[in-house]
């Protein structure tokens, strides 16, 4: 992390994790690449943490859907693959429409949680980076 400010490194990590948890698979890498580029942050650090978030993203899709459902006052989406296949075969458009609402619920749930995720990750990563730099400085001074 030499040559990177603590603030910039913590921002890259926090942005990557927050956006890396975006519940629609396939979008986070492009979004992170653009934001990190325009903000002048470290691309490799951001992409590393985005990659690390993959399994966490999958685990949080349903909770994000539930938050969105709660905020919209919507019925719970229940995923039953057999029923889903039958519905899709019988009425593809209605099934896709139902999934569109589920995607919207997931995105709104993420948008609701994103500022909290960002602040928590930024605060923790900045503290960890400070400690790591402090330890490295003391080891170098003592050598």
N, C-alpha and C. Protein backbone atom coordinates (compact mmCIF):
# COMPACT_ATOMS: atom_id res chain seq x y z
N UNK A 1 0.81 -1.19 0.00
CA UNK A 1 0.00 0.00 0.00
C UNK A 1 0.86 1.25 0.00
N UNK A 2 2.11 1.08 -0.32
CA UNK A 2 3.01 2.22 -0.37
C UNK A 2 2.59 3.16 -1.49
N UNK A 3 2.59 4.44 -1.20
CA UNK A 3 2.23 5.43 -2.19
C UNK A 3 0.74 5.71 -2.30
N UNK A 4 -0.05 5.01 -1.54
CA UNK A 4 -1.50 5.21 -1.54
C UNK A 4 -1.88 5.80 -0.18
N UNK A 5 -2.66 6.88 -0.19
CA UNK A 5 -3.07 7.45 1.09
C UNK A 5 -4.04 6.50 1.79
N UNK A 6 -4.05 6.57 3.11
CA UNK A 6 -4.96 5.74 3.90
C UNK A 6 -6.40 5.99 3.48
N UNK A 7 -6.73 7.24 3.30
CA UNK A 7 -8.09 7.63 2.94
C UNK A 7 -8.48 7.03 1.59
N UNK A 8 -7.60 7.15 0.59
CA UNK A 8 -7.90 6.62 -0.75
C UNK A 8 -8.01 5.10 -0.74
N UNK A 9 -7.14 4.46 0.00
CA UNK A 9 -7.18 3.01 0.08
C UNK A 9 -8.47 2.55 0.77
N UNK A 10 -8.82 3.20 1.87
CA UNK A 10 -10.05 2.86 2.59
C UNK A 10 -11.28 3.13 1.71
N UNK A 11 -11.25 4.22 0.94
CA UNK A 11 -12.37 4.52 0.04
C UNK A 11 -12.49 3.45 -1.05
N UNK A 12 -11.37 3.03 -1.61
CA UNK A 12 -11.40 1.99 -2.65
C UNK A 12 -11.98 0.69 -2.09
N UNK A 13 -11.57 0.33 -0.89
CA UNK A 13 -12.07 -0.89 -0.26
C UNK A 13 -13.56 -0.76 0.03
N UNK A 14 -13.96 0.36 0.63
CA UNK A 14 -15.37 0.55 1.00
C UNK A 14 -16.27 0.60 -0.24
N UNK A 15 -15.83 1.30 -1.28
CA UNK A 15 -16.62 1.35 -2.52
C UNK A 15 -16.73 -0.04 -3.14
N UNK A 16 -15.61 -0.76 -3.18
CA UNK A 16 -15.61 -2.07 -3.80
C UNK A 16 -16.52 -3.05 -3.07
N UNK A 17 -16.47 -3.03 -1.75
CA UNK A 17 -17.32 -3.95 -0.99
C UNK A 17 -18.79 -3.53 -1.10
N UNK A 18 -19.06 -2.25 -0.96
CA UNK A 18 -20.44 -1.79 -1.04
C UNK A 18 -21.05 -2.08 -2.41
N UNK A 19 -20.35 -1.70 -3.46
CA UNK A 19 -20.88 -1.93 -4.81
C UNK A 19 -20.75 -3.41 -5.19
N UNK A 20 -19.73 -4.07 -4.66
CA UNK A 20 -19.56 -5.50 -4.91
C UNK A 20 -20.73 -6.33 -4.38
N UNK A 21 -21.47 -5.79 -3.42
CA UNK A 21 -22.63 -6.48 -2.87
C UNK A 21 -23.92 -6.16 -3.63
N UNK A 22 -23.82 -5.35 -4.70
CA UNK A 22 -25.00 -5.05 -5.51
C UNK A 22 -25.65 -6.37 -5.92
N UNK A 23 -26.95 -6.54 -5.66
CA UNK A 23 -27.56 -7.87 -5.76
C UNK A 23 -27.82 -8.41 -7.16
N UNK A 24 -27.57 -7.64 -8.19
CA UNK A 24 -27.78 -8.15 -9.55
C UNK A 24 -26.41 -8.55 -10.10
N UNK A 25 -26.24 -9.82 -10.32
CA UNK A 25 -24.94 -10.37 -10.72
C UNK A 25 -24.55 -9.86 -12.10
N UNK A 26 -23.27 -9.47 -12.22
CA UNK A 26 -22.73 -9.05 -13.50
C UNK A 26 -22.55 -7.56 -13.67
N UNK A 27 -23.02 -6.77 -12.72
CA UNK A 27 -22.94 -5.32 -12.86
C UNK A 27 -21.84 -4.68 -12.02
N UNK A 28 -21.49 -5.30 -10.93
CA UNK A 28 -20.59 -4.65 -9.97
C UNK A 28 -19.21 -4.34 -10.54
N UNK A 29 -18.64 -5.24 -11.32
CA UNK A 29 -17.30 -5.00 -11.86
C UNK A 29 -17.26 -3.75 -12.74
N UNK A 30 -18.24 -3.61 -13.60
CA UNK A 30 -18.28 -2.43 -14.48
C UNK A 30 -18.51 -1.14 -13.69
N UNK A 31 -19.42 -1.20 -12.73
CA UNK A 31 -19.71 -0.01 -11.92
C UNK A 31 -18.48 0.39 -11.11
N UNK A 32 -17.83 -0.58 -10.48
CA UNK A 32 -16.63 -0.29 -9.68
C UNK A 32 -15.52 0.26 -10.56
N UNK A 33 -15.31 -0.35 -11.72
CA UNK A 33 -14.26 0.12 -12.62
C UNK A 33 -14.47 1.59 -12.96
N UNK A 34 -15.69 1.96 -13.31
CA UNK A 34 -15.97 3.35 -13.68
C UNK A 34 -15.81 4.30 -12.50
N UNK A 35 -16.39 3.97 -11.37
CA UNK A 35 -16.33 4.88 -10.21
C UNK A 35 -14.90 5.05 -9.72
N UNK A 36 -14.18 3.95 -9.61
CA UNK A 36 -12.80 4.01 -9.12
C UNK A 36 -11.93 4.79 -10.10
N UNK A 37 -12.15 4.61 -11.39
CA UNK A 37 -11.39 5.36 -12.40
C UNK A 37 -11.63 6.86 -12.26
N UNK A 38 -12.90 7.25 -12.21
CA UNK A 38 -13.23 8.67 -12.15
C UNK A 38 -12.87 9.32 -10.82
N UNK A 39 -12.80 8.53 -9.76
CA UNK A 39 -12.40 9.07 -8.46
C UNK A 39 -10.89 9.00 -8.26
N UNK A 40 -10.17 8.38 -9.17
CA UNK A 40 -8.72 8.29 -9.08
C UNK A 40 -8.24 7.37 -7.97
N UNK A 41 -9.02 6.33 -7.69
CA UNK A 41 -8.65 5.39 -6.63
C UNK A 41 -7.91 4.20 -7.23
N UNK A 42 -7.45 3.31 -6.36
CA UNK A 42 -6.64 2.19 -6.78
C UNK A 42 -7.51 1.06 -7.34
N UNK A 43 -7.39 0.82 -8.64
CA UNK A 43 -8.20 -0.18 -9.34
C UNK A 43 -7.92 -1.61 -8.86
N UNK A 44 -6.63 -2.03 -8.73
CA UNK A 44 -6.39 -3.41 -8.28
C UNK A 44 -6.96 -3.70 -6.89
N UNK A 45 -6.82 -2.77 -5.97
CA UNK A 45 -7.38 -2.98 -4.63
C UNK A 45 -8.90 -3.09 -4.71
N UNK A 46 -9.53 -2.21 -5.47
CA UNK A 46 -10.99 -2.24 -5.59
C UNK A 46 -11.46 -3.55 -6.21
N UNK A 47 -10.80 -3.99 -7.28
CA UNK A 47 -11.23 -5.22 -7.94
C UNK A 47 -10.97 -6.46 -7.07
N UNK A 48 -9.89 -6.44 -6.30
CA UNK A 48 -9.62 -7.55 -5.38
C UNK A 48 -10.76 -7.68 -4.37
N UNK A 49 -11.15 -6.58 -3.76
CA UNK A 49 -12.22 -6.64 -2.77
C UNK A 49 -13.57 -6.92 -3.42
N UNK A 50 -13.78 -6.48 -4.64
CA UNK A 50 -14.99 -6.84 -5.37
C UNK A 50 -15.04 -8.36 -5.58
N UNK A 51 -13.93 -8.92 -5.97
CA UNK A 51 -13.85 -10.37 -6.20
C UNK A 51 -14.10 -11.14 -4.91
N UNK A 52 -13.52 -10.66 -3.81
CA UNK A 52 -13.69 -11.31 -2.51
C UNK A 52 -15.17 -11.31 -2.09
N UNK A 53 -15.90 -10.28 -2.51
CA UNK A 53 -17.32 -10.12 -2.12
C UNK A 53 -18.26 -11.10 -2.80
N UNK A 54 -17.82 -11.79 -3.82
CA UNK A 54 -18.70 -12.67 -4.59
C UNK A 54 -19.57 -13.60 -3.74
N UNK A 55 -18.96 -14.41 -2.88
CA UNK A 55 -19.78 -15.31 -2.06
C UNK A 55 -20.70 -14.56 -1.08
N UNK A 56 -20.23 -13.44 -0.58
CA UNK A 56 -21.05 -12.65 0.35
C UNK A 56 -22.26 -12.08 -0.39
N UNK A 57 -22.03 -11.63 -1.63
CA UNK A 57 -23.12 -11.10 -2.45
C UNK A 57 -24.22 -12.14 -2.60
N UNK A 58 -23.84 -13.37 -2.93
CA UNK A 58 -24.83 -14.43 -3.10
C UNK A 58 -25.61 -14.67 -1.81
N UNK A 59 -24.92 -14.61 -0.68
CA UNK A 59 -25.59 -14.82 0.60
C UNK A 59 -26.54 -13.69 0.97
N UNK A 60 -26.29 -12.48 0.44
CA UNK A 60 -27.10 -11.32 0.81
C UNK A 60 -28.23 -11.00 -0.17
N UNK A 61 -28.33 -11.72 -1.27
CA UNK A 61 -29.39 -11.42 -2.24
C UNK A 61 -30.77 -11.55 -1.59
N UNK A 62 -31.03 -12.65 -0.92
CA UNK A 62 -32.35 -12.85 -0.28
C UNK A 62 -32.59 -11.80 0.81
N UNK A 63 -31.62 -11.52 1.70
CA UNK A 63 -31.88 -10.44 2.67
C UNK A 63 -32.18 -9.09 2.02
N UNK A 64 -31.49 -8.75 0.93
CA UNK A 64 -31.78 -7.51 0.23
C UNK A 64 -33.20 -7.54 -0.35
N UNK A 65 -33.60 -8.68 -0.90
CA UNK A 65 -34.98 -8.82 -1.41
C UNK A 65 -35.96 -8.59 -0.27
N UNK A 66 -35.70 -9.20 0.89
CA UNK A 66 -36.61 -9.07 2.04
C UNK A 66 -36.72 -7.62 2.51
N UNK A 67 -35.59 -6.90 2.54
CA UNK A 67 -35.63 -5.49 2.93
C UNK A 67 -36.48 -4.71 1.93
N UNK A 68 -36.26 -4.95 0.64
CA UNK A 68 -37.06 -4.27 -0.39
C UNK A 68 -38.53 -4.60 -0.29
N UNK A 69 -38.85 -5.87 -0.05
CA UNK A 69 -40.24 -6.27 0.11
C UNK A 69 -40.87 -5.54 1.30
N UNK A 70 -40.12 -5.46 2.38
CA UNK A 70 -40.62 -4.76 3.57
C UNK A 70 -40.88 -3.29 3.26
N UNK A 71 -39.93 -2.64 2.59
CA UNK A 71 -40.08 -1.22 2.28
C UNK A 71 -41.25 -0.96 1.33
N UNK A 72 -41.51 -1.90 0.42
CA UNK A 72 -42.63 -1.76 -0.52
C UNK A 72 -43.95 -2.30 0.05
N UNK A 73 -43.86 -3.02 1.17
CA UNK A 73 -45.06 -3.66 1.70
C UNK A 73 -45.54 -4.78 0.79
N UNK A 74 -44.59 -5.44 0.11
CA UNK A 74 -44.91 -6.48 -0.87
C UNK A 74 -44.96 -7.86 -0.21
N UNK A 75 -45.65 -8.78 -0.89
CA UNK A 75 -45.66 -10.17 -0.46
C UNK A 75 -44.28 -10.77 -0.64
N UNK A 76 -43.97 -11.76 0.18
CA UNK A 76 -42.67 -12.43 0.09
C UNK A 76 -42.57 -13.23 -1.20
N UNK A 77 -41.44 -13.10 -1.84
CA UNK A 77 -41.14 -13.90 -3.02
C UNK A 77 -40.61 -15.24 -2.55
N UNK A 78 -41.23 -16.31 -3.02
CA UNK A 78 -40.80 -17.66 -2.65
C UNK A 78 -40.27 -18.32 -3.91
N UNK A 79 -39.05 -18.81 -3.83
CA UNK A 79 -38.42 -19.43 -4.99
C UNK A 79 -38.63 -20.94 -4.93
N UNK A 80 -39.44 -21.42 -5.86
CA UNK A 80 -39.68 -22.84 -6.02
C UNK A 80 -39.38 -23.13 -7.49
N UNK A 81 -38.28 -23.81 -7.76
CA UNK A 81 -37.83 -24.00 -9.14
C UNK A 81 -38.85 -24.72 -10.02
N UNK A 82 -39.53 -25.73 -9.47
CA UNK A 82 -40.54 -26.45 -10.25
C UNK A 82 -41.69 -25.54 -10.63
N UNK A 83 -42.19 -24.79 -9.66
CA UNK A 83 -43.29 -23.85 -9.91
C UNK A 83 -42.84 -22.74 -10.85
N UNK A 84 -41.63 -22.26 -10.66
CA UNK A 84 -41.10 -21.21 -11.52
C UNK A 84 -41.02 -21.68 -12.97
N UNK A 85 -40.53 -22.89 -13.19
CA UNK A 85 -40.44 -23.44 -14.55
C UNK A 85 -41.83 -23.56 -15.18
N UNK A 86 -42.79 -24.05 -14.40
CA UNK A 86 -44.15 -24.19 -14.90
C UNK A 86 -44.74 -22.83 -15.26
N UNK A 87 -44.58 -21.86 -14.37
CA UNK A 87 -45.10 -20.52 -14.63
C UNK A 87 -44.45 -19.91 -15.87
N UNK A 88 -43.14 -20.08 -15.99
CA UNK A 88 -42.43 -19.51 -17.13
C UNK A 88 -42.92 -20.13 -18.43
N UNK A 89 -43.15 -21.42 -18.41
CA UNK A 89 -43.64 -22.11 -19.60
C UNK A 89 -45.05 -21.65 -19.97
N UNK A 90 -45.91 -21.48 -18.95
CA UNK A 90 -47.30 -21.09 -19.20
C UNK A 90 -47.45 -19.62 -19.57
N UNK A 91 -46.68 -18.75 -18.90
CA UNK A 91 -46.83 -17.31 -19.16
C UNK A 91 -45.49 -16.63 -18.88
N UNK A 92 -44.64 -16.64 -19.88
CA UNK A 92 -43.28 -16.11 -19.74
C UNK A 92 -43.29 -14.64 -19.32
N UNK A 93 -44.16 -13.85 -19.94
CA UNK A 93 -44.17 -12.41 -19.66
C UNK A 93 -44.55 -12.13 -18.20
N UNK A 94 -45.55 -12.80 -17.68
CA UNK A 94 -45.97 -12.59 -16.29
C UNK A 94 -44.87 -13.03 -15.32
N UNK A 95 -44.20 -14.11 -15.66
CA UNK A 95 -43.11 -14.60 -14.80
C UNK A 95 -41.96 -13.60 -14.79
N UNK A 96 -41.59 -13.09 -15.97
CA UNK A 96 -40.52 -12.09 -16.04
C UNK A 96 -40.93 -10.82 -15.31
N UNK A 97 -42.20 -10.45 -15.40
CA UNK A 97 -42.70 -9.27 -14.69
C UNK A 97 -42.57 -9.45 -13.18
N UNK A 98 -42.91 -10.65 -12.70
CA UNK A 98 -42.78 -10.93 -11.26
C UNK A 98 -41.32 -10.85 -10.84
N UNK A 99 -40.42 -11.37 -11.68
CA UNK A 99 -39.00 -11.29 -11.36
C UNK A 99 -38.49 -9.86 -11.40
N UNK A 100 -39.04 -9.05 -12.28
CA UNK A 100 -38.64 -7.64 -12.34
C UNK A 100 -38.92 -6.97 -11.01
N UNK A 101 -40.07 -7.26 -10.42
CA UNK A 101 -40.38 -6.69 -9.10
C UNK A 101 -39.43 -7.22 -8.03
N UNK A 102 -39.08 -8.49 -8.14
CA UNK A 102 -38.13 -9.06 -7.19
C UNK A 102 -36.77 -8.40 -7.33
N UNK A 103 -36.33 -8.18 -8.56
CA UNK A 103 -35.07 -7.47 -8.79
C UNK A 103 -35.14 -6.06 -8.21
N UNK A 104 -36.25 -5.39 -8.44
CA UNK A 104 -36.43 -4.04 -7.91
C UNK A 104 -36.37 -4.05 -6.38
N UNK A 105 -37.02 -5.03 -5.76
CA UNK A 105 -36.97 -5.14 -4.30
C UNK A 105 -35.53 -5.34 -3.82
N UNK A 106 -34.78 -6.20 -4.51
CA UNK A 106 -33.39 -6.44 -4.13
C UNK A 106 -32.55 -5.17 -4.27
N UNK A 107 -32.74 -4.45 -5.36
CA UNK A 107 -31.97 -3.22 -5.59
C UNK A 107 -32.32 -2.17 -4.55
N UNK A 108 -33.60 -1.99 -4.26
CA UNK A 108 -34.02 -1.01 -3.25
C UNK A 108 -33.49 -1.42 -1.88
N UNK A 109 -33.52 -2.71 -1.56
CA UNK A 109 -32.96 -3.19 -0.29
C UNK A 109 -31.48 -2.87 -0.19
N UNK A 110 -30.76 -3.06 -1.30
CA UNK A 110 -29.33 -2.73 -1.33
C UNK A 110 -29.11 -1.22 -1.18
N UNK A 111 -29.88 -0.41 -1.90
CA UNK A 111 -29.75 1.05 -1.83
C UNK A 111 -30.00 1.52 -0.39
N UNK A 112 -30.95 0.91 0.27
CA UNK A 112 -31.26 1.26 1.66
C UNK A 112 -30.07 0.93 2.58
N UNK A 113 -29.42 -0.21 2.34
CA UNK A 113 -28.32 -0.67 3.20
C UNK A 113 -26.96 -0.11 2.81
N UNK A 114 -26.79 0.31 1.56
CA UNK A 114 -25.47 0.70 1.04
C UNK A 114 -24.76 1.79 1.84
N UNK A 115 -25.43 2.87 2.25
CA UNK A 115 -24.70 3.89 3.02
C UNK A 115 -24.16 3.35 4.34
N UNK A 116 -24.92 2.49 4.98
CA UNK A 116 -24.47 1.89 6.25
C UNK A 116 -23.28 0.98 6.00
N UNK A 117 -23.39 0.15 4.96
CA UNK A 117 -22.28 -0.76 4.61
C UNK A 117 -21.02 0.05 4.32
N UNK A 118 -21.17 1.10 3.50
CA UNK A 118 -20.01 1.92 3.14
C UNK A 118 -19.36 2.53 4.38
N UNK A 119 -20.14 3.14 5.25
CA UNK A 119 -19.58 3.80 6.44
C UNK A 119 -18.88 2.82 7.37
N UNK A 120 -19.50 1.66 7.57
CA UNK A 120 -18.89 0.65 8.45
C UNK A 120 -17.59 0.14 7.84
N UNK A 121 -17.61 -0.21 6.56
CA UNK A 121 -16.40 -0.76 5.90
C UNK A 121 -15.31 0.31 5.83
N UNK A 122 -15.68 1.54 5.49
CA UNK A 122 -14.70 2.62 5.42
C UNK A 122 -14.03 2.84 6.77
N UNK A 123 -14.82 2.91 7.83
CA UNK A 123 -14.27 3.14 9.16
C UNK A 123 -13.35 2.01 9.60
N UNK A 124 -13.78 0.79 9.39
CA UNK A 124 -12.96 -0.37 9.78
C UNK A 124 -11.69 -0.45 8.93
N UNK A 125 -11.81 -0.30 7.62
CA UNK A 125 -10.63 -0.42 6.76
C UNK A 125 -9.63 0.70 7.02
N UNK A 126 -10.11 1.89 7.27
CA UNK A 126 -9.19 2.99 7.57
C UNK A 126 -8.42 2.71 8.87
N UNK A 127 -9.12 2.18 9.86
CA UNK A 127 -8.48 1.84 11.13
C UNK A 127 -7.45 0.72 10.95
N UNK A 128 -7.80 -0.31 10.19
CA UNK A 128 -6.88 -1.43 9.95
C UNK A 128 -5.66 -0.96 9.17
N UNK A 129 -5.87 -0.14 8.15
CA UNK A 129 -4.74 0.38 7.36
C UNK A 129 -3.82 1.22 8.23
N UNK A 130 -4.39 2.05 9.10
CA UNK A 130 -3.58 2.87 10.00
C UNK A 130 -2.72 1.99 10.89
N UNK A 131 -3.32 0.94 11.46
CA UNK A 131 -2.56 0.03 12.33
C UNK A 131 -1.46 -0.70 11.57
N UNK A 132 -1.79 -1.16 10.35
CA UNK A 132 -0.78 -1.85 9.56
C UNK A 132 0.39 -0.94 9.21
N UNK A 133 0.09 0.28 8.81
CA UNK A 133 1.16 1.23 8.50
C UNK A 133 1.98 1.56 9.73
N UNK A 134 1.30 1.69 10.86
CA UNK A 134 1.99 2.00 12.12
C UNK A 134 2.94 0.86 12.49
N UNK A 135 2.48 -0.40 12.34
CA UNK A 135 3.32 -1.56 12.65
C UNK A 135 4.52 -1.63 11.70
N UNK A 136 4.30 -1.40 10.43
CA UNK A 136 5.38 -1.46 9.44
C UNK A 136 6.40 -0.36 9.74
N UNK A 137 5.93 0.83 10.09
CA UNK A 137 6.83 1.93 10.41
C UNK A 137 7.68 1.61 11.62
N UNK A 138 7.08 1.02 12.65
CA UNK A 138 7.83 0.68 13.86
C UNK A 138 8.83 -0.44 13.59
N UNK A 139 8.48 -1.41 12.77
CA UNK A 139 9.41 -2.49 12.45
C UNK A 139 10.60 -1.96 11.66
N UNK A 140 10.32 -1.02 10.74
CA UNK A 140 11.39 -0.44 9.93
C UNK A 140 12.31 0.41 10.82
N UNK A 141 11.73 1.17 11.75
CA UNK A 141 12.52 2.01 12.64
C UNK A 141 13.38 1.18 13.58
N UNK A 142 12.88 0.03 14.01
CA UNK A 142 13.61 -0.81 14.95
C UNK A 142 14.69 -1.67 14.28
N UNK A 143 14.68 -1.75 12.98
CA UNK A 143 15.67 -2.60 12.26
C UNK A 143 17.01 -1.94 12.17
